Amino acid sequence: MKTKLLLFIWAICLGASMWMLFDSGQAEGEERKPIYDESAVGSKQIAEALLIAKRDNKLVLLQFGANRCIWCHRLHRFFETDKAVRRELRSDFVVVLVDVKDGHNGSVVGLYGQDAHSGIPAIAVLSSDGKPIASTDSEAFFENDHYSSKKIVKFLDSCIRN
């Protein structure tokens, strides 16, 4: 009887831990440090990025997301680790991570082409004077079950030529 009770309790604990792993969208061993500043005011972040973009003759790339979003972390990591994408971003863009957790920065989201129904992560590109050039959900960058370097670079290049 005692053994059955211990097995039952163990099964419940295992099930709960599996649910928490699934619910967070995080793979086992996958590290997720916060990348979005949840207290930052998006309009201020963008204003600062526009000053740098104007000075350096670059575009501004807004990445809308949240720290709890595994795909936001994966896109951010892809932007940092894929050589072609990283090279493109560093040479031609000022990147801003805009937190949208629980409606945070909602006015900025609506202003730059991402409505409340869009999924995250979402991308918007602005000219150095703040005019929207393009916006998309990150699903546009998918190929099979991962982000495609070719699709992202093609999107970024189309924004530069615009």
N, C-alpha and C. Protein backbone atom coordinates (compact mmCIF):
# COMPACT_ATOMS: atom_id res chain seq x y z
N MET A 1 0.81 -1.19 0.00
CA MET A 1 0.00 0.00 0.00
C MET A 1 0.87 1.26 0.00
N LYS A 2 1.89 1.28 0.85
CA LYS A 2 2.79 2.41 0.94
C LYS A 2 3.53 2.62 -0.38
N THR A 3 3.94 1.52 -1.01
CA THR A 3 4.65 1.59 -2.28
C THR A 3 3.75 2.17 -3.37
N LYS A 4 2.49 1.75 -3.41
CA LYS A 4 1.55 2.27 -4.40
C LYS A 4 1.33 3.76 -4.20
N LEU A 5 1.24 4.20 -2.96
CA LEU A 5 1.04 5.61 -2.67
C LEU A 5 2.25 6.42 -3.12
N LEU A 6 3.46 5.92 -2.84
CA LEU A 6 4.68 6.61 -3.26
C LEU A 6 4.76 6.68 -4.79
N LEU A 7 4.40 5.59 -5.46
CA LEU A 7 4.41 5.59 -6.93
C LEU A 7 3.39 6.59 -7.47
N PHE A 8 2.23 6.65 -6.83
CA PHE A 8 1.19 7.58 -7.24
C PHE A 8 1.68 9.03 -7.09
N ILE A 9 2.28 9.34 -5.96
CA ILE A 9 2.80 10.69 -5.71
C ILE A 9 3.92 11.01 -6.70
N TRP A 10 4.80 10.05 -6.94
CA TRP A 10 5.89 10.24 -7.90
C TRP A 10 5.32 10.52 -9.30
N ALA A 11 4.28 9.80 -9.70
CA ALA A 11 3.67 9.99 -11.02
C ALA A 11 3.05 11.37 -11.13
N ILE A 12 2.42 11.84 -10.08
CA ILE A 12 1.82 13.18 -10.09
C ILE A 12 2.91 14.24 -10.22
N CYS A 13 3.98 14.10 -9.46
CA CYS A 13 5.09 15.05 -9.53
C CYS A 13 5.73 15.06 -10.90
N LEU A 14 5.93 13.88 -11.48
CA LEU A 14 6.51 13.78 -12.81
C LEU A 14 5.61 14.43 -13.84
N GLY A 15 4.31 14.16 -13.73
CA GLY A 15 3.35 14.77 -14.65
C GLY A 15 3.33 16.28 -14.54
N ALA A 16 3.37 16.79 -13.33
CA ALA A 16 3.36 18.24 -13.12
C ALA A 16 4.62 18.87 -13.68
N SER A 17 5.76 18.23 -13.47
CA SER A 17 7.00 18.81 -14.01
C SER A 17 7.03 18.76 -15.53
N MET A 18 6.47 17.72 -16.12
CA MET A 18 6.40 17.63 -17.59
C MET A 18 5.45 18.71 -18.13
N TRP A 19 4.34 18.95 -17.43
CA TRP A 19 3.41 19.97 -17.86
C TRP A 19 4.08 21.35 -17.81
N MET A 20 4.83 21.62 -16.74
CA MET A 20 5.51 22.91 -16.62
C MET A 20 6.53 23.08 -17.72
N LEU A 21 7.24 22.03 -18.07
CA LEU A 21 8.22 22.09 -19.16
C LEU A 21 7.51 22.36 -20.47
N PHE A 22 6.40 21.67 -20.74
CA PHE A 22 5.65 21.85 -21.97
C PHE A 22 5.03 23.25 -22.00
N ASP A 23 4.46 23.68 -20.89
CA ASP A 23 3.78 24.96 -20.84
C ASP A 23 4.73 26.11 -21.09
N SER A 24 5.95 26.02 -20.65
CA SER A 24 6.89 27.11 -20.86
C SER A 24 7.44 27.12 -22.27
N GLY A 25 7.27 26.04 -23.00
CA GLY A 25 7.80 25.97 -24.35
C GLY A 25 9.30 25.82 -24.37
N GLN A 26 9.88 25.55 -23.25
CA GLN A 26 11.32 25.48 -23.13
C GLN A 26 11.79 24.03 -23.19
N ALA A 27 12.74 23.78 -24.04
CA ALA A 27 13.31 22.45 -24.13
C ALA A 27 14.21 22.22 -22.92
N GLU A 28 14.33 20.98 -22.53
CA GLU A 28 15.16 20.65 -21.38
C GLU A 28 16.59 21.13 -21.62
N GLY A 29 17.13 21.84 -20.66
CA GLY A 29 18.50 22.32 -20.75
C GLY A 29 18.63 23.61 -21.56
N GLU A 30 17.53 24.11 -22.12
CA GLU A 30 17.59 25.33 -22.91
C GLU A 30 17.55 26.54 -21.97
N GLU A 31 18.58 27.37 -22.02
CA GLU A 31 18.70 28.50 -21.12
C GLU A 31 17.91 29.69 -21.66
N ARG A 32 17.18 30.37 -20.74
CA ARG A 32 16.41 31.53 -21.15
C ARG A 32 16.59 32.66 -20.14
N LYS A 33 17.62 33.44 -20.33
CA LYS A 33 17.80 34.64 -19.52
C LYS A 33 16.93 35.73 -20.13
N PRO A 34 16.45 36.66 -19.33
CA PRO A 34 15.63 37.74 -19.88
C PRO A 34 16.39 38.53 -20.95
N ILE A 35 15.73 38.76 -22.07
CA ILE A 35 16.33 39.57 -23.13
C ILE A 35 15.55 40.87 -23.33
N TYR A 36 14.30 40.91 -22.87
CA TYR A 36 13.47 42.11 -22.99
C TYR A 36 13.46 42.83 -21.66
N ASP A 37 13.59 44.14 -21.70
CA ASP A 37 13.48 44.95 -20.49
C ASP A 37 12.00 45.23 -20.27
N GLU A 38 11.41 44.54 -19.29
CA GLU A 38 9.98 44.62 -19.06
C GLU A 38 9.54 45.96 -18.48
N SER A 39 10.49 46.78 -18.05
CA SER A 39 10.14 48.10 -17.52
C SER A 39 10.39 49.22 -18.53
N ALA A 40 10.99 48.89 -19.67
CA ALA A 40 11.34 49.91 -20.66
C ALA A 40 10.11 50.45 -21.37
N VAL A 41 10.14 51.72 -21.67
CA VAL A 41 9.08 52.38 -22.43
C VAL A 41 9.48 52.29 -23.90
N GLY A 42 8.69 51.56 -24.66
CA GLY A 42 9.02 51.29 -26.06
C GLY A 42 9.24 52.55 -26.89
N SER A 43 8.41 53.57 -26.68
CA SER A 43 8.56 54.80 -27.46
C SER A 43 9.90 55.47 -27.19
N LYS A 44 10.36 55.39 -25.95
CA LYS A 44 11.67 55.96 -25.59
C LYS A 44 12.80 55.13 -26.22
N GLN A 45 12.68 53.80 -26.18
CA GLN A 45 13.68 52.93 -26.80
C GLN A 45 13.80 53.25 -28.30
N ILE A 46 12.65 53.42 -28.93
CA ILE A 46 12.64 53.67 -30.37
C ILE A 46 13.22 55.05 -30.68
N ALA A 47 12.87 56.06 -29.89
CA ALA A 47 13.42 57.41 -30.09
C ALA A 47 14.94 57.40 -30.01
N GLU A 48 15.48 56.68 -29.04
CA GLU A 48 16.93 56.58 -28.89
C GLU A 48 17.55 55.85 -30.08
N ALA A 49 16.91 54.78 -30.54
CA ALA A 49 17.41 54.03 -31.69
C ALA A 49 17.37 54.87 -32.95
N LEU A 50 16.34 55.70 -33.10
CA LEU A 50 16.24 56.56 -34.29
C LEU A 50 17.36 57.59 -34.34
N LEU A 51 17.76 58.10 -33.19
CA LEU A 51 18.89 59.04 -33.16
C LEU A 51 20.17 58.36 -33.67
N ILE A 52 20.41 57.15 -33.21
CA ILE A 52 21.59 56.39 -33.64
C ILE A 52 21.48 56.05 -35.13
N ALA A 53 20.30 55.63 -35.57
CA ALA A 53 20.09 55.26 -36.97
C ALA A 53 20.32 56.45 -37.90
N LYS A 54 19.84 57.60 -37.51
CA LYS A 54 20.02 58.81 -38.33
C LYS A 54 21.50 59.17 -38.41
N ARG A 55 22.17 59.12 -37.27
CA ARG A 55 23.60 59.44 -37.21
C ARG A 55 24.44 58.47 -38.04
N ASP A 56 24.10 57.17 -37.97
CA ASP A 56 24.90 56.14 -38.63
C ASP A 56 24.34 55.68 -39.98
N ASN A 57 23.28 56.35 -40.45
CA ASN A 57 22.65 56.00 -41.73
C ASN A 57 22.22 54.53 -41.75
N LYS A 58 21.42 54.15 -40.75
CA LYS A 58 20.93 52.78 -40.63
C LYS A 58 19.41 52.79 -40.52
N LEU A 59 18.84 51.61 -40.59
CA LEU A 59 17.42 51.40 -40.34
C LEU A 59 17.26 50.91 -38.91
N VAL A 60 16.02 50.93 -38.41
CA VAL A 60 15.72 50.43 -37.07
C VAL A 60 14.88 49.18 -37.21
N LEU A 61 15.32 48.10 -36.58
CA LEU A 61 14.56 46.86 -36.55
C LEU A 61 13.99 46.68 -35.15
N LEU A 62 12.67 46.62 -35.08
CA LEU A 62 11.98 46.40 -33.80
C LEU A 62 11.62 44.93 -33.71
N GLN A 63 12.02 44.30 -32.63
CA GLN A 63 11.61 42.91 -32.38
C GLN A 63 10.67 42.93 -31.19
N PHE A 64 9.37 42.72 -31.48
CA PHE A 64 8.35 42.69 -30.44
C PHE A 64 8.31 41.28 -29.85
N GLY A 65 8.34 41.19 -28.53
CA GLY A 65 8.30 39.88 -27.90
C GLY A 65 8.17 39.97 -26.39
N ALA A 66 8.39 38.83 -25.75
CA ALA A 66 8.29 38.75 -24.29
C ALA A 66 9.27 37.70 -23.79
N ASN A 67 9.73 37.88 -22.57
CA ASN A 67 10.71 36.96 -21.99
C ASN A 67 10.18 35.53 -21.84
N ARG A 68 8.89 35.37 -21.68
CA ARG A 68 8.33 34.03 -21.51
C ARG A 68 8.12 33.30 -22.83
N CYS A 69 8.36 33.97 -23.95
CA CYS A 69 8.14 33.41 -25.28
C CYS A 69 9.40 32.71 -25.79
N ILE A 70 9.33 31.38 -25.89
CA ILE A 70 10.50 30.62 -26.32
C ILE A 70 10.92 30.98 -27.74
N TRP A 71 9.95 31.26 -28.63
CA TRP A 71 10.29 31.60 -30.02
C TRP A 71 10.95 32.98 -30.11
N CYS A 72 10.63 33.86 -29.17
CA CYS A 72 11.30 35.16 -29.11
C CYS A 72 12.78 34.97 -28.78
N HIS A 73 13.05 34.07 -27.84
CA HIS A 73 14.43 33.77 -27.47
C HIS A 73 15.16 33.09 -28.62
N ARG A 74 14.48 32.19 -29.30
CA ARG A 74 15.11 31.48 -30.41
C ARG A 74 15.43 32.42 -31.56
N LEU A 75 14.51 33.35 -31.87
CA LEU A 75 14.78 34.31 -32.94
C LEU A 75 15.94 35.22 -32.56
N HIS A 76 15.94 35.70 -31.33
CA HIS A 76 17.03 36.55 -30.85
C HIS A 76 18.38 35.83 -30.94
N ARG A 77 18.39 34.58 -30.50
CA ARG A 77 19.63 33.79 -30.56
C ARG A 77 20.04 33.57 -32.02
N PHE A 78 19.07 33.33 -32.90
CA PHE A 78 19.37 33.14 -34.32
C PHE A 78 19.97 34.41 -34.90
N PHE A 79 19.40 35.56 -34.54
CA PHE A 79 19.94 36.84 -35.00
C PHE A 79 21.39 37.03 -34.56
N GLU A 80 21.73 36.53 -33.39
CA GLU A 80 23.08 36.69 -32.86
C GLU A 80 24.07 35.66 -33.38
N THR A 81 23.60 34.47 -33.74
CA THR A 81 24.53 33.40 -34.08
C THR A 81 24.65 33.08 -35.57
N ASP A 82 23.64 33.38 -36.36
CA ASP A 82 23.73 33.11 -37.79
C ASP A 82 24.61 34.20 -38.42
N LYS A 83 25.69 33.78 -39.06
CA LYS A 83 26.68 34.74 -39.56
C LYS A 83 26.12 35.73 -40.57
N ALA A 84 25.33 35.25 -41.53
CA ALA A 84 24.79 36.14 -42.56
C ALA A 84 23.80 37.14 -41.97
N VAL A 85 22.94 36.67 -41.09
CA VAL A 85 21.95 37.55 -40.47
C VAL A 85 22.65 38.54 -39.55
N ARG A 86 23.56 38.07 -38.74
CA ARG A 86 24.28 38.95 -37.81
C ARG A 86 25.04 40.04 -38.57
N ARG A 87 25.69 39.67 -39.66
CA ARG A 87 26.45 40.64 -40.47
C ARG A 87 25.50 41.72 -41.02
N GLU A 88 24.37 41.28 -41.54
CA GLU A 88 23.38 42.21 -42.10
C GLU A 88 22.85 43.17 -41.03
N LEU A 89 22.49 42.61 -39.87
CA LEU A 89 21.95 43.43 -38.79
C LEU A 89 22.98 44.44 -38.29
N ARG A 90 24.20 44.00 -38.09
CA ARG A 90 25.23 44.90 -37.55
C ARG A 90 25.59 46.02 -38.53
N SER A 91 25.56 45.71 -39.81
CA SER A 91 25.99 46.74 -40.76
C SER A 91 24.89 47.74 -41.11
N ASP A 92 23.63 47.33 -41.06
CA ASP A 92 22.58 48.19 -41.59
C ASP A 92 21.42 48.50 -40.65
N PHE A 93 21.43 47.97 -39.42
CA PHE A 93 20.27 48.12 -38.54
C PHE A 93 20.67 48.46 -37.11
N VAL A 94 19.78 49.19 -36.45
CA VAL A 94 19.82 49.36 -35.01
C VAL A 94 18.67 48.49 -34.50
N VAL A 95 18.98 47.50 -33.69
CA VAL A 95 17.97 46.53 -33.23
C VAL A 95 17.45 46.94 -31.85
N VAL A 96 16.11 46.92 -31.73
CA VAL A 96 15.46 47.27 -30.47
C VAL A 96 14.52 46.13 -30.08
N LEU A 97 14.70 45.63 -28.88
CA LEU A 97 13.81 44.59 -28.35
C LEU A 97 12.71 45.27 -27.53
N VAL A 98 11.48 45.19 -28.02
CA VAL A 98 10.35 45.85 -27.37
C VAL A 98 9.49 44.82 -26.65
N ASP A 99 9.41 44.95 -25.34
CA ASP A 99 8.60 44.03 -24.53
C ASP A 99 7.12 44.31 -24.72
N VAL A 100 6.36 43.25 -24.99
CA VAL A 100 4.91 43.39 -25.16
C VAL A 100 4.14 42.46 -24.23
N LYS A 101 4.78 42.01 -23.18
CA LYS A 101 4.12 41.11 -22.21
C LYS A 101 2.88 41.77 -21.63
N ASP A 102 1.77 41.05 -21.69
CA ASP A 102 0.51 41.50 -21.09
C ASP A 102 0.11 42.90 -21.52
N GLY A 103 0.31 43.22 -22.80
CA GLY A 103 -0.12 44.51 -23.34
C GLY A 103 0.84 45.66 -23.11
N HIS A 104 1.98 45.37 -22.50
CA HIS A 104 2.99 46.42 -22.29
C HIS A 104 3.40 47.00 -23.64
N ASN A 105 3.55 48.29 -23.74
CA ASN A 105 3.92 48.99 -24.97
C ASN A 105 2.90 48.80 -26.09
N GLY A 106 1.65 48.63 -25.71
CA GLY A 106 0.59 48.41 -26.69
C GLY A 106 0.45 49.51 -27.73
N SER A 107 0.65 50.76 -27.32
CA SER A 107 0.52 51.86 -28.28
C SER A 107 1.61 51.79 -29.34
N VAL A 108 2.79 51.38 -28.96
CA VAL A 108 3.91 51.25 -29.90
C VAL A 108 3.64 50.11 -30.87
N VAL A 109 3.08 49.03 -30.35
CA VAL A 109 2.77 47.86 -31.19
C VAL A 109 1.82 48.27 -32.31
N GLY A 110 0.76 48.98 -31.97
CA GLY A 110 -0.21 49.41 -32.97
C GLY A 110 0.34 50.42 -33.95
N LEU A 111 1.23 51.26 -33.49
CA LEU A 111 1.80 52.33 -34.31
C LEU A 111 2.68 51.79 -35.44
N TYR A 112 3.35 50.69 -35.19
CA TYR A 112 4.32 50.19 -36.16
C TYR A 112 3.90 48.90 -36.86
N GLY A 113 2.61 48.73 -37.06
CA GLY A 113 2.13 47.66 -37.94
C GLY A 113 1.86 46.32 -37.32
N GLN A 114 1.97 46.21 -36.03
CA GLN A 114 1.69 44.93 -35.38
C GLN A 114 0.43 45.09 -34.54
N ASP A 115 -0.68 44.51 -34.99
CA ASP A 115 -1.91 44.65 -34.22
C ASP A 115 -1.96 43.64 -33.08
N ALA A 116 -2.97 43.74 -32.28
CA ALA A 116 -3.09 42.90 -31.09
C ALA A 116 -3.23 41.42 -31.41
N HIS A 117 -3.60 41.09 -32.64
CA HIS A 117 -3.79 39.69 -33.00
C HIS A 117 -2.53 39.04 -33.56
N SER A 118 -1.52 39.84 -33.80
CA SER A 118 -0.26 39.28 -34.32
C SER A 118 0.42 38.45 -33.26
N GLY A 119 1.07 37.41 -33.70
CA GLY A 119 1.83 36.59 -32.77
C GLY A 119 3.19 37.21 -32.50
N ILE A 120 3.85 36.70 -31.52
CA ILE A 120 5.21 37.14 -31.24
C ILE A 120 6.14 35.95 -31.38
N PRO A 121 7.37 36.19 -31.74
CA PRO A 121 7.96 37.49 -32.02
C PRO A 121 7.47 38.04 -33.36
N ALA A 122 7.45 39.36 -33.41
CA ALA A 122 7.08 40.06 -34.63
C ALA A 122 8.14 41.11 -34.90
N ILE A 123 8.29 41.45 -36.16
CA ILE A 123 9.35 42.36 -36.58
C ILE A 123 8.74 43.55 -37.30
N ALA A 124 9.27 44.73 -37.05
CA ALA A 124 8.94 45.92 -37.83
C ALA A 124 10.24 46.63 -38.14
N VAL A 125 10.33 47.19 -39.33
CA VAL A 125 11.53 47.92 -39.74
C VAL A 125 11.11 49.36 -40.03
N LEU A 126 11.88 50.30 -39.48
CA LEU A 126 11.63 51.72 -39.66
C LEU A 126 12.79 52.39 -40.37
N SER A 127 12.48 53.42 -41.14
CA SER A 127 13.54 54.24 -41.70
C SER A 127 14.16 55.05 -40.57
N SER A 128 15.25 55.73 -40.84
CA SER A 128 15.92 56.50 -39.78
C SER A 128 15.08 57.71 -39.34
N ASP A 129 14.06 58.06 -40.11
CA ASP A 129 13.17 59.14 -39.68
C ASP A 129 11.88 58.60 -39.04
N GLY A 130 11.84 57.28 -38.79
CA GLY A 130 10.74 56.68 -38.05
C GLY A 130 9.57 56.19 -38.87
N LYS A 131 9.66 56.26 -40.18
CA LYS A 131 8.56 55.79 -41.03
C LYS A 131 8.63 54.27 -41.17
N PRO A 132 7.47 53.60 -41.00
CA PRO A 132 7.44 52.13 -41.17
C PRO A 132 7.78 51.73 -42.60
N ILE A 133 8.66 50.75 -42.73
CA ILE A 133 9.04 50.21 -44.04
C ILE A 133 8.38 48.86 -44.26
N ALA A 134 8.45 48.01 -43.24
CA ALA A 134 7.88 46.66 -43.36
C ALA A 134 7.62 46.11 -41.98
N SER A 135 6.70 45.14 -41.92
CA SER A 135 6.46 44.42 -40.67
C SER A 135 5.97 43.02 -41.00
N THR A 136 6.27 42.09 -40.10
CA THR A 136 5.87 40.70 -40.30
C THR A 136 5.94 39.94 -38.99
N ASP A 137 5.17 38.87 -38.92
CA ASP A 137 5.34 37.91 -37.84
C ASP A 137 6.55 37.06 -38.19
N SER A 138 7.19 36.50 -37.21
CA SER A 138 8.40 35.71 -37.48
C SER A 138 8.11 34.42 -38.22
N GLU A 139 6.84 34.04 -38.32
CA GLU A 139 6.49 32.83 -39.07
C GLU A 139 6.94 32.93 -40.52
N ALA A 140 7.03 34.15 -41.03
CA ALA A 140 7.48 34.35 -42.41
C ALA A 140 8.91 33.86 -42.62
N PHE A 141 9.65 33.72 -41.53
CA PHE A 141 11.05 33.30 -41.60
C PHE A 141 11.25 31.81 -41.39
N PHE A 142 10.15 31.08 -41.21
CA PHE A 142 10.24 29.65 -40.93
C PHE A 142 10.46 28.83 -42.19
N GLU A 143 11.21 27.78 -42.00
CA GLU A 143 11.38 26.76 -43.02
C GLU A 143 11.43 25.45 -42.26
N ASN A 144 10.44 24.62 -42.49
CA ASN A 144 10.25 23.41 -41.70
C ASN A 144 10.02 23.81 -40.25
N ASP A 145 10.91 23.47 -39.34
CA ASP A 145 10.69 23.79 -37.93
C ASP A 145 11.74 24.73 -37.36
N HIS A 146 12.38 25.51 -38.24
CA HIS A 146 13.43 26.41 -37.75
C HIS A 146 13.43 27.70 -38.58
N TYR A 147 14.18 28.68 -38.10
CA TYR A 147 14.31 29.94 -38.83
C TYR A 147 15.26 29.74 -40.00
N SER A 148 14.95 30.40 -41.10
CA SER A 148 15.75 30.30 -42.31
C SER A 148 16.59 31.56 -42.49
N SER A 149 17.88 31.37 -42.55
CA SER A 149 18.80 32.48 -42.77
C SER A 149 18.49 33.18 -44.09
N LYS A 150 18.23 32.40 -45.13
CA LYS A 150 17.95 32.98 -46.46
C LYS A 150 16.70 33.85 -46.43
N LYS A 151 15.65 33.39 -45.76
CA LYS A 151 14.41 34.17 -45.70
C LYS A 151 14.60 35.46 -44.90
N ILE A 152 15.34 35.39 -43.82
CA ILE A 152 15.57 36.59 -43.01
C ILE A 152 16.42 37.59 -43.77
N VAL A 153 17.50 37.13 -44.38
CA VAL A 153 18.37 38.03 -45.14
C VAL A 153 17.60 38.65 -46.31
N LYS A 154 16.77 37.87 -46.96
CA LYS A 154 15.96 38.40 -48.07
C LYS A 154 15.04 39.51 -47.58
N PHE A 155 14.39 39.30 -46.43
CA PHE A 155 13.53 40.32 -45.83
C PHE A 155 14.34 41.57 -45.50
N LEU A 156 15.47 41.40 -44.84
CA LEU A 156 16.30 42.55 -44.46
C LEU A 156 16.78 43.31 -45.69
N ASP A 157 17.22 42.59 -46.73
CA ASP A 157 17.67 43.23 -47.97
C ASP A 157 16.55 44.02 -48.63
N SER A 158 15.34 43.47 -48.61
CA SER A 158 14.20 44.18 -49.21
C SER A 158 13.92 45.47 -48.45
N CYS A 159 14.14 45.49 -47.16
CA CYS A 159 13.95 46.70 -46.37
C CYS A 159 15.01 47.75 -46.70
N ILE A 160 16.23 47.30 -46.91
CA ILE A 160 17.33 48.22 -47.25
C ILE A 160 17.08 48.87 -48.60
N ARG A 161 16.60 48.08 -49.56
CA ARG A 161 16.36 48.61 -50.92
C ARG A 161 15.15 49.53 -50.97
N ASN A 162 14.28 49.45 -49.98
CA ASN A 162 13.05 50.25 -49.97
C ASN A 162 13.28 51.71 -49.80
